[in-house]
Amino acid sequence: MPSPLRPKILLVPTVAAWIIGEMGMHIKNCFRGEFDFFFIPETLMWRRKDLCRALWPHLSLIHCLNESSAGLVREFDGADRVPVVSWIHHITQWSPYHERAVQESSALIACTPAWKSTIEEFSSHRLPVQVIRHGVDSTFFHPEAKCRLQLPGNAFLIGFFAGKGSDLDGNRKGIPVLIEVLKAAMPRIPNAHVVFAGPGWESVVADLRSLGLSATCLGYVRRSDMPGLFASLDAYLMTSSVEGGPVTVLEAMACGTPAVATRVGLVPDVVSDGVDGFTTPVGDVAGLTAGLIRLASDPDLAARMGAAARNTARLQSWERNLQPLREIYQRYGRTPTPTVPAPTWTSDPERFCEVVYAADGVGRTIDALRHHRPLGASFRDMREMLAGTSFADRLRGAAMVRKLYFRV
């Protein structure tokens, strides 16, 4: 139950769904007995400025889950500024968003010790940088998960999961390397088949097929289907040059699937080369190719590495890795002294978060249609963003977007 004595913390993701939003939900679930969490994604802030202005005086702290949010939250400050902590997951290029996060935050969060050093260098040590590692739910992601998706049988399955659009951030997903690895490895692996999950891979799959390589593009995959998909793979391939995580490596490992990955993000800290996966320097086509071939040619080795990967992932739970946040919230949070009563809806933060999640999916679909995005793609995105929400909450979310719900 919410308590007027518990600090109120606002979590601000870029989007309520997908990985950044999911990270916010893990934070909320981990500390829900100690703090009252509210959840307002960036685009919903612009739609419901009235909600933000009503909530701000009662907040102890704002946790921006991405650097882009730090400047935005200052739009709603009154006479006294709410303390802000910003999470920077990776840096492809130091941007005005990163600089604004430094200017507006009391502290920054990095997800690995290496990123901590990088952020300190870019920001000239102007702020303390704390390390909070990414985690995985190894109860949800597990090797016995059943796959409900159509995949070829009797194939050596290689997985690559991401939105192709994320490669637009400085080509950080390493797509040219990925293609070269597949071209080199797949002809040497009997029955090799590569599975892409995420939007935008149709042209890549077509190019691979034109080379005689077997490939499938699944598009968006519901979160409920991801454990079964990971567990069906024989290898998870990651070719990035820059990553904060990726969390997908931990999710694959939790499902007993060895990763063949470049040493970026959390990989050097989590994957032991030759023990629970294979790791290489960035751009090492030959090394990544060799890792896939070894897994395909030695089933006993693959089984041992898969079991070791599962054991490693179980030590990287969200609950364990998020624990340092408690001290951060306590150190940088304030004791608010509002001059106006708190809105009635602040007494039920759980209900607020549930409706906000649905409202963000509805609102983003409206934006996509206004910008003439194809109707099918817009409603597909909405379906994914609303996965797990009730029909009643979807109606309430639509009403929230229209300012008919949670009135101020």
Protein backbone atom coordinates (compact mmCIF):
# COMPACT_ATOMS: atom_id res chain seq x y z
CA MET A 1 0.00 0.00 0.00
CA PRO A 2 1.25 3.52 -0.74
CA SER A 3 2.29 5.60 2.23
CA PRO A 4 2.46 9.39 2.57
CA LEU A 5 5.76 8.84 4.36
CA ARG A 6 7.42 6.97 1.49
CA PRO A 7 9.49 9.03 -0.95
CA LYS A 8 7.84 9.51 -4.34
CA ILE A 9 10.16 8.78 -7.26
CA LEU A 10 9.36 9.44 -10.90
CA LEU A 11 10.85 7.07 -13.51
CA VAL A 12 11.14 8.62 -16.97
CA PRO A 13 11.80 6.19 -19.86
CA THR A 14 11.92 7.12 -23.52
CA VAL A 15 9.07 4.64 -24.11
CA ALA A 16 7.01 2.63 -21.64
CA ALA A 17 7.46 -0.64 -23.56
CA TRP A 18 10.62 -2.47 -24.64
CA ILE A 19 13.92 -2.54 -22.84
CA ILE A 20 14.14 0.93 -21.24
CA GLY A 21 10.55 0.74 -20.05
CA GLU A 22 11.09 -2.82 -18.83
CA MET A 23 14.09 -1.64 -16.82
CA GLY A 24 11.84 0.89 -15.13
CA MET A 25 9.39 -1.86 -14.23
CA HIS A 26 12.19 -3.94 -12.72
CA ILE A 27 13.22 -0.95 -10.59
CA LYS A 28 9.64 -0.44 -9.45
CA ASN A 29 9.18 -4.11 -8.58
CA CYS A 30 12.49 -4.29 -6.74
CA PHE A 31 11.88 -1.32 -4.43
CA ARG A 32 8.09 -1.02 -4.34
CA GLY A 33 8.05 -1.61 -0.56
CA GLU A 34 10.36 1.35 0.09
CA PHE A 35 9.40 4.00 -2.47
CA ASP A 36 6.25 5.02 -4.34
CA PHE A 37 7.09 4.97 -8.04
CA PHE A 38 5.40 6.96 -10.77
CA PHE A 39 6.08 6.33 -14.42
CA ILE A 40 5.74 8.98 -17.17
CA PRO A 41 7.44 8.38 -20.57
CA GLU A 42 8.77 11.35 -22.51
CA THR A 43 5.99 11.76 -25.07
CA LEU A 44 3.29 11.49 -22.42
CA MET A 45 4.95 14.36 -20.56
CA TRP A 46 4.23 16.65 -23.48
CA ARG A 47 0.66 15.46 -23.71
CA ARG A 48 -0.05 15.75 -20.00
CA LYS A 49 1.92 18.75 -18.81
CA ASP A 50 -0.85 19.30 -16.29
CA LEU A 51 -0.07 15.95 -14.62
CA CYS A 52 3.62 16.74 -14.44
CA ARG A 53 3.11 20.17 -12.88
CA ALA A 54 0.73 18.69 -10.30
CA LEU A 55 3.11 15.84 -9.42
CA TRP A 56 6.45 17.72 -9.32
CA PRO A 57 6.09 19.45 -5.90
CA HIS A 58 5.53 16.08 -4.22
CA LEU A 59 8.50 14.23 -5.74
CA SER A 60 11.64 13.29 -3.85
CA LEU A 61 13.63 12.47 -6.97
CA ILE A 62 13.37 11.97 -10.72
CA HIS A 63 15.24 9.05 -12.27
CA CYS A 64 15.71 9.60 -16.01
CA LEU A 65 16.27 6.20 -17.59
CA ASN A 66 17.96 7.76 -20.62
CA GLU A 67 20.04 10.89 -21.11
CA SER A 68 17.45 12.48 -23.40
CA SER A 69 14.98 12.96 -20.54
CA ALA A 70 17.06 15.17 -18.26
CA GLY A 71 16.41 18.42 -20.07
CA LEU A 72 12.76 17.62 -20.59
CA VAL A 73 11.94 17.14 -16.91
CA ARG A 74 13.22 20.63 -16.09
CA GLU A 75 10.30 22.09 -18.06
CA PHE A 76 8.05 21.37 -15.10
CA ASP A 77 10.14 22.58 -12.17
CA GLY A 78 8.71 25.22 -9.92
CA ALA A 79 10.65 27.41 -7.53
CA ASP A 80 12.58 24.46 -6.09
CA ARG A 81 14.18 21.99 -8.47
CA VAL A 82 13.54 18.28 -8.05
CA PRO A 83 16.84 16.32 -7.88
CA VAL A 84 17.54 14.30 -11.03
CA VAL A 85 19.63 11.16 -11.55
CA SER A 86 20.29 10.14 -15.17
CA TRP A 87 21.17 6.70 -16.54
CA ILE A 88 23.53 6.78 -19.54
CA HIS A 89 23.66 3.33 -21.12
CA HIS A 90 26.14 3.94 -23.92
CA ILE A 91 27.78 6.71 -25.90
CA THR A 92 28.19 6.47 -29.65
CA GLN A 93 28.98 10.19 -29.74
CA TRP A 94 28.84 12.74 -26.92
CA SER A 95 25.72 14.74 -27.74
CA PRO A 96 23.82 17.77 -26.46
CA TYR A 97 21.54 15.30 -24.66
CA HIS A 98 24.50 13.89 -22.74
CA GLU A 99 25.77 17.37 -21.91
CA ARG A 100 22.34 18.47 -20.71
CA ALA A 101 22.12 15.37 -18.53
CA VAL A 102 25.40 16.38 -16.89
CA GLN A 103 24.15 19.93 -16.35
CA GLU A 104 20.78 18.97 -14.88
CA SER A 105 21.60 15.87 -12.82
CA SER A 106 22.90 15.36 -9.31
CA ALA A 107 24.53 12.07 -10.34
CA LEU A 108 24.91 9.83 -13.37
CA ILE A 109 24.55 6.07 -13.67
CA ALA A 110 26.61 3.86 -15.97
CA CYS A 111 25.94 0.19 -16.61
CA THR A 112 29.55 -1.06 -16.63
CA PRO A 113 32.85 0.08 -15.08
CA ALA A 114 34.17 0.77 -18.60
CA TRP A 115 31.26 3.11 -19.35
CA LYS A 116 31.78 4.80 -15.98
CA SER A 117 35.33 5.69 -17.04
CA THR A 118 34.17 6.85 -20.46
CA ILE A 119 31.40 9.04 -19.03
CA GLU A 120 33.79 10.57 -16.49
CA GLU A 121 36.20 11.40 -19.30
CA PHE A 122 33.55 13.01 -21.50
CA SER A 123 31.94 14.91 -18.63
CA SER A 124 35.29 16.06 -17.18
CA HIS A 125 34.46 14.44 -13.81
CA ARG A 126 31.83 17.07 -13.06
CA LEU A 127 29.45 14.57 -11.44
CA PRO A 128 29.71 11.32 -9.49
CA VAL A 129 29.09 8.30 -11.72
CA GLN A 130 27.66 5.16 -10.13
CA VAL A 131 27.67 1.70 -11.74
CA ILE A 132 24.33 -0.14 -11.94
CA ARG A 133 24.62 -3.25 -14.08
CA HIS A 134 21.93 -4.57 -16.37
CA GLY A 135 20.28 -7.77 -15.23
CA VAL A 136 18.04 -10.61 -16.35
CA ASP A 137 15.00 -12.40 -14.99
CA SER A 138 16.27 -16.00 -15.06
CA THR A 139 12.89 -17.28 -13.90
CA PHE A 140 11.16 -15.85 -16.97
CA PHE A 141 14.09 -16.67 -19.30
CA HIS A 142 14.97 -20.34 -18.85
CA PRO A 143 16.16 -23.29 -20.99
CA GLU A 144 12.89 -25.25 -20.74
CA ALA A 145 10.80 -22.49 -22.31
CA LYS A 146 8.70 -23.77 -25.21
CA CYS A 147 8.87 -22.03 -28.56
CA ARG A 148 5.51 -21.25 -30.19
CA LEU A 149 7.05 -19.69 -33.29
CA GLN A 150 7.56 -21.34 -36.66
CA LEU A 151 11.25 -22.25 -36.94
CA PRO A 152 12.93 -24.82 -39.19
CA GLY A 153 13.52 -28.20 -37.56
CA ASN A 154 16.84 -30.04 -37.51
CA ALA A 155 18.72 -26.79 -38.12
CA PHE A 156 21.63 -25.12 -36.35
CA LEU A 157 19.85 -21.92 -35.33
CA ILE A 158 21.79 -18.66 -35.04
CA GLY A 159 19.89 -15.76 -33.52
CA PHE A 160 20.36 -12.01 -33.96
CA PHE A 161 17.80 -9.87 -32.14
CA ALA A 162 17.53 -6.07 -32.41
CA GLY A 163 15.68 -3.39 -34.30
CA LYS A 164 17.58 -2.60 -37.48
CA GLY A 165 16.90 1.05 -36.82
CA SER A 166 19.21 0.93 -33.80
CA ASP A 167 22.10 0.51 -36.24
CA LEU A 168 21.45 4.07 -37.42
CA ASP A 169 23.16 5.19 -34.19
CA GLY A 170 26.64 5.22 -35.70
CA ASN A 171 26.34 1.69 -37.18
CA ARG A 172 26.85 0.43 -33.66
CA LYS A 173 25.15 -2.95 -34.24
CA GLY A 174 27.92 -3.91 -36.66
CA ILE A 175 25.67 -5.03 -39.50
CA PRO A 176 28.49 -5.23 -42.13
CA VAL A 177 30.43 -7.47 -39.73
CA LEU A 178 27.30 -9.56 -39.11
CA ILE A 179 26.82 -10.15 -42.84
CA GLU A 180 30.47 -11.12 -43.35
CA VAL A 181 30.35 -13.55 -40.41
CA LEU A 182 27.21 -15.24 -41.72
CA LYS A 183 28.65 -15.45 -45.24
CA ALA A 184 31.80 -17.09 -43.87
CA ALA A 185 30.25 -19.38 -41.22
CA MET A 186 26.98 -20.66 -42.63
CA PRO A 187 28.38 -22.53 -45.67
CA ARG A 188 30.60 -24.46 -43.23
CA ILE A 189 27.78 -25.39 -40.85
CA PRO A 190 25.35 -28.06 -42.08
CA ASN A 191 21.72 -26.91 -41.88
CA ALA A 192 22.68 -23.46 -40.57
CA HIS A 193 19.77 -21.03 -40.35
CA VAL A 194 19.84 -17.46 -39.02
CA VAL A 195 16.82 -16.00 -37.24
CA PHE A 196 16.33 -12.23 -37.04
CA ALA A 197 13.90 -10.83 -34.49
CA GLY A 198 12.97 -7.16 -34.50
CA PRO A 199 11.78 -4.78 -37.21
CA GLY A 200 13.54 -3.92 -40.45
CA TRP A 201 15.46 -7.05 -41.41
CA GLU A 202 13.53 -7.99 -44.54
CA SER A 203 16.13 -6.63 -46.98
CA VAL A 204 19.01 -8.30 -45.12
CA VAL A 205 17.19 -11.64 -45.17
CA ALA A 206 16.52 -11.22 -48.89
CA ASP A 207 20.22 -10.53 -49.53
CA LEU A 208 21.27 -13.60 -47.53
CA ARG A 209 18.80 -15.79 -49.37
CA SER A 210 20.14 -14.51 -52.69
CA LEU A 211 23.50 -15.90 -51.58
CA GLY A 212 21.93 -19.28 -50.87
CA LEU A 213 21.94 -18.80 -47.10
CA SER A 214 18.92 -19.83 -45.03
CA ALA A 215 17.39 -16.96 -43.07
CA THR A 216 14.13 -15.88 -41.46
CA CYS A 217 12.86 -12.47 -40.34
CA LEU A 218 10.30 -12.74 -37.53
CA GLY A 219 9.68 -9.00 -37.10
CA TYR A 220 8.44 -7.99 -33.67
CA VAL A 221 8.21 -10.91 -31.28
CA ARG A 222 5.96 -10.72 -28.23
CA ARG A 223 7.84 -10.67 -24.96
CA SER A 224 6.01 -13.82 -23.88
CA ASP A 225 7.53 -15.65 -26.88
CA MET A 226 11.12 -14.48 -26.32
CA PRO A 227 12.19 -17.15 -23.78
CA GLY A 228 11.10 -19.97 -26.08
CA LEU A 229 12.85 -18.33 -29.02
CA PHE A 230 16.12 -17.89 -27.11
CA ALA A 231 15.94 -21.47 -25.80
CA SER A 232 15.51 -22.80 -29.36
CA LEU A 233 18.75 -21.24 -30.56
CA ASP A 234 22.07 -23.03 -30.81
CA ALA A 235 24.03 -19.77 -30.72
CA TYR A 236 23.27 -16.10 -30.13
CA LEU A 237 25.36 -13.78 -32.30
CA MET A 238 26.20 -10.19 -31.31
CA THR A 239 28.47 -8.11 -33.57
CA SER A 240 28.10 -4.63 -32.06
CA SER A 241 30.83 -2.00 -31.77
CA VAL A 242 28.99 -0.08 -29.01
CA GLU A 243 26.53 -1.41 -26.42
CA GLY A 244 25.29 -0.57 -22.96
CA GLY A 245 24.27 -4.20 -22.51
CA PRO A 246 22.96 -5.70 -24.56
CA VAL A 247 20.43 -7.33 -22.28
CA THR A 248 19.78 -9.87 -25.05
CA VAL A 249 23.13 -11.52 -24.32
CA LEU A 250 22.06 -12.14 -20.71
CA GLU A 251 18.63 -13.33 -21.85
CA ALA A 252 20.18 -15.82 -24.25
CA MET A 253 22.54 -17.09 -21.55
CA ALA A 254 19.68 -17.46 -19.07
CA CYS A 255 18.01 -19.73 -21.64
CA GLY A 256 21.11 -21.90 -21.89
CA THR A 257 22.22 -20.49 -25.24
CA PRO A 258 25.91 -19.57 -25.61
CA ALA A 259 26.69 -16.14 -27.03
CA VAL A 260 29.27 -15.44 -29.70
CA ALA A 261 29.87 -11.76 -29.13
CA THR A 262 32.19 -8.81 -29.49
CA ARG A 263 33.74 -7.50 -26.26
CA VAL A 264 31.57 -4.44 -25.77
CA GLY A 265 29.11 -3.37 -23.08
CA LEU A 266 28.58 -5.99 -20.41
CA VAL A 267 30.20 -8.80 -22.42
CA PRO A 268 33.75 -8.48 -20.99
CA ASP A 269 32.35 -8.44 -17.44
CA VAL A 270 29.91 -11.35 -17.88
CA VAL A 271 31.00 -13.76 -20.63
CA SER A 272 34.10 -15.89 -19.98
CA ASP A 273 35.65 -16.65 -23.36
CA GLY A 274 35.59 -20.39 -24.05
CA VAL A 275 33.67 -21.17 -20.85
CA ASP A 276 30.11 -19.86 -21.26
CA GLY A 277 30.46 -18.23 -24.68
CA PHE A 278 32.97 -16.94 -27.20
CA THR A 279 34.13 -13.32 -27.28
CA THR A 280 36.25 -11.40 -29.78
CA PRO A 281 37.49 -7.88 -30.39
CA VAL A 282 35.16 -5.55 -32.30
CA GLY A 283 35.16 -6.30 -36.02
CA ASP A 284 36.86 -9.70 -35.71
CA VAL A 285 35.03 -11.57 -38.47
CA ALA A 286 37.37 -14.57 -38.29
CA GLY A 287 36.99 -14.91 -34.50
CA LEU A 288 33.20 -14.67 -34.55
CA THR A 289 33.05 -17.15 -37.41
CA ALA A 290 35.30 -19.59 -35.56
CA GLY A 291 33.07 -19.37 -32.46
CA LEU A 292 29.95 -20.31 -34.41
CA ILE A 293 31.74 -23.19 -36.17
CA ARG A 294 33.08 -24.60 -32.88
CA LEU A 295 29.60 -24.64 -31.33
CA ALA A 296 28.16 -26.31 -34.42
CA SER A 297 30.92 -28.93 -34.71
CA ASP A 298 31.11 -29.95 -31.03
CA PRO A 299 27.67 -30.61 -29.48
CA ASP A 300 29.19 -31.67 -26.15
CA LEU A 301 31.11 -28.40 -25.89
CA ALA A 302 27.97 -26.46 -26.83
CA ALA A 303 25.97 -28.24 -24.11
CA ARG A 304 28.63 -27.53 -21.47
CA MET A 305 28.84 -23.89 -22.48
CA GLY A 306 25.06 -23.56 -22.47
CA ALA A 307 24.85 -24.91 -18.92
CA ALA A 308 27.67 -22.60 -17.81
CA ALA A 309 25.93 -19.65 -19.48
CA ARG A 310 22.75 -20.41 -17.55
CA ASN A 311 24.69 -20.50 -14.27
CA THR A 312 26.37 -17.18 -15.09
CA ALA A 313 23.08 -15.49 -15.94
CA ARG A 314 21.49 -16.61 -12.67
CA LEU A 315 24.08 -14.49 -10.85
CA GLN A 316 23.03 -11.40 -12.83
CA SER A 317 19.46 -10.94 -11.60
CA TRP A 318 17.83 -7.53 -11.78
CA GLU A 319 17.08 -7.70 -8.07
CA ARG A 320 20.73 -8.20 -7.23
CA ASN A 321 22.19 -5.76 -9.73
CA LEU A 322 19.76 -2.94 -8.90
CA GLN A 323 20.50 -2.94 -5.16
CA PRO A 324 22.94 0.03 -5.30
CA LEU A 325 20.01 2.20 -6.47
CA ARG A 326 18.64 2.24 -2.93
CA GLU A 327 21.62 4.21 -1.64
CA ILE A 328 21.51 6.53 -4.68
CA TYR A 329 17.84 7.31 -4.10
CA GLN A 330 18.42 7.91 -0.41
CA ARG A 331 21.50 10.08 -0.97
CA TYR A 332 20.16 12.35 -3.69
CA GLY A 333 16.44 12.41 -2.91
CA ARG A 334 14.94 15.41 -1.15
CA THR A 335 12.23 15.80 1.44
CA PRO A 336 9.57 17.79 -0.46
CA THR A 337 7.70 20.63 1.23
CA PRO A 338 4.71 21.18 -1.07
CA THR A 339 2.41 24.12 -0.55
CA VAL A 340 -0.55 22.37 -2.19
CA PRO A 341 -2.17 18.98 -1.43
CA ALA A 342 -1.13 16.01 -3.52
CA PRO A 343 -3.62 15.01 -6.26
CA THR A 344 -5.84 12.12 -5.23
CA TRP A 345 -4.39 9.84 -7.91
CA THR A 346 -0.97 9.95 -6.21
CA SER A 347 -2.40 7.68 -3.51
CA ASP A 348 -2.42 4.75 -5.96
CA PRO A 349 0.87 4.76 -7.90
CA GLU A 350 0.38 1.17 -9.10
CA ARG A 351 -2.87 2.06 -10.85
CA PHE A 352 -1.26 5.19 -12.28
CA CYS A 353 1.63 3.20 -13.77
CA GLU A 354 -0.68 0.61 -15.33
CA VAL A 355 -2.73 3.23 -17.13
CA VAL A 356 0.34 5.23 -18.17
CA TYR A 357 1.79 2.13 -19.84
CA ALA A 358 -1.33 1.79 -21.98
CA ALA A 359 -1.57 5.54 -22.61
CA ASP A 360 1.96 5.65 -24.03
CA GLY A 361 1.20 2.88 -26.52
CA VAL A 362 -1.99 4.58 -27.66
CA GLY A 363 -0.34 8.00 -27.88
CA ARG A 364 2.61 6.77 -29.90
CA THR A 365 0.28 5.08 -32.35
CA ILE A 366 -1.60 8.37 -32.80
CA ASP A 367 1.73 10.11 -33.48
CA ALA A 368 2.76 7.47 -36.01
CA LEU A 369 -0.51 7.84 -37.92
CA ARG A 370 -0.21 11.63 -37.89
CA HIS A 371 3.24 11.28 -39.46
CA HIS A 372 1.75 9.03 -42.15
CA ARG A 373 3.43 5.86 -41.01
CA PRO A 374 1.85 2.79 -42.67
CA LEU A 375 -1.33 1.75 -40.90
CA GLY A 376 -0.30 -1.90 -40.49
CA ALA A 377 3.08 -1.04 -38.97
CA SER A 378 1.52 1.50 -36.60
CA PHE A 379 -1.02 -0.94 -35.22
CA ARG A 380 1.59 -3.70 -35.02
CA ASP A 381 3.72 -1.42 -32.87
CA MET A 382 0.73 -0.57 -30.69
CA ARG A 383 -0.06 -4.25 -30.21
CA GLU A 384 3.50 -4.85 -29.01
CA MET A 385 3.52 -1.81 -26.74
CA LEU A 386 0.19 -2.80 -25.20
CA ALA A 387 1.08 -6.47 -24.68
CA GLY A 388 -0.04 -7.57 -21.24
CA THR A 389 -2.41 -4.67 -20.62
CA SER A 390 -6.12 -5.22 -20.07
CA PHE A 391 -8.79 -3.93 -22.44
CA ALA A 392 -10.09 -1.69 -19.65
CA ASP A 393 -6.66 -0.14 -19.14
CA ARG A 394 -6.35 0.47 -22.88
CA LEU A 395 -9.59 2.43 -22.76
CA ARG A 396 -8.36 4.33 -19.70
CA GLY A 397 -5.05 4.95 -21.49
CA ALA A 398 -6.85 6.45 -24.47
CA ALA A 399 -8.88 8.61 -22.08
CA MET A 400 -5.67 9.67 -20.33
CA VAL A 401 -4.19 10.83 -23.63
CA ARG A 402 -7.34 12.91 -24.19
CA LYS A 403 -7.11 14.36 -20.64
CA LEU A 404 -10.32 12.64 -19.63
CA TYR A 405 -8.65 10.41 -17.02
CA PHE A 406 -6.43 11.50 -14.12
CA ARG A 407 -7.71 15.02 -14.29
CA VAL A 408 -5.97 17.78 -12.40
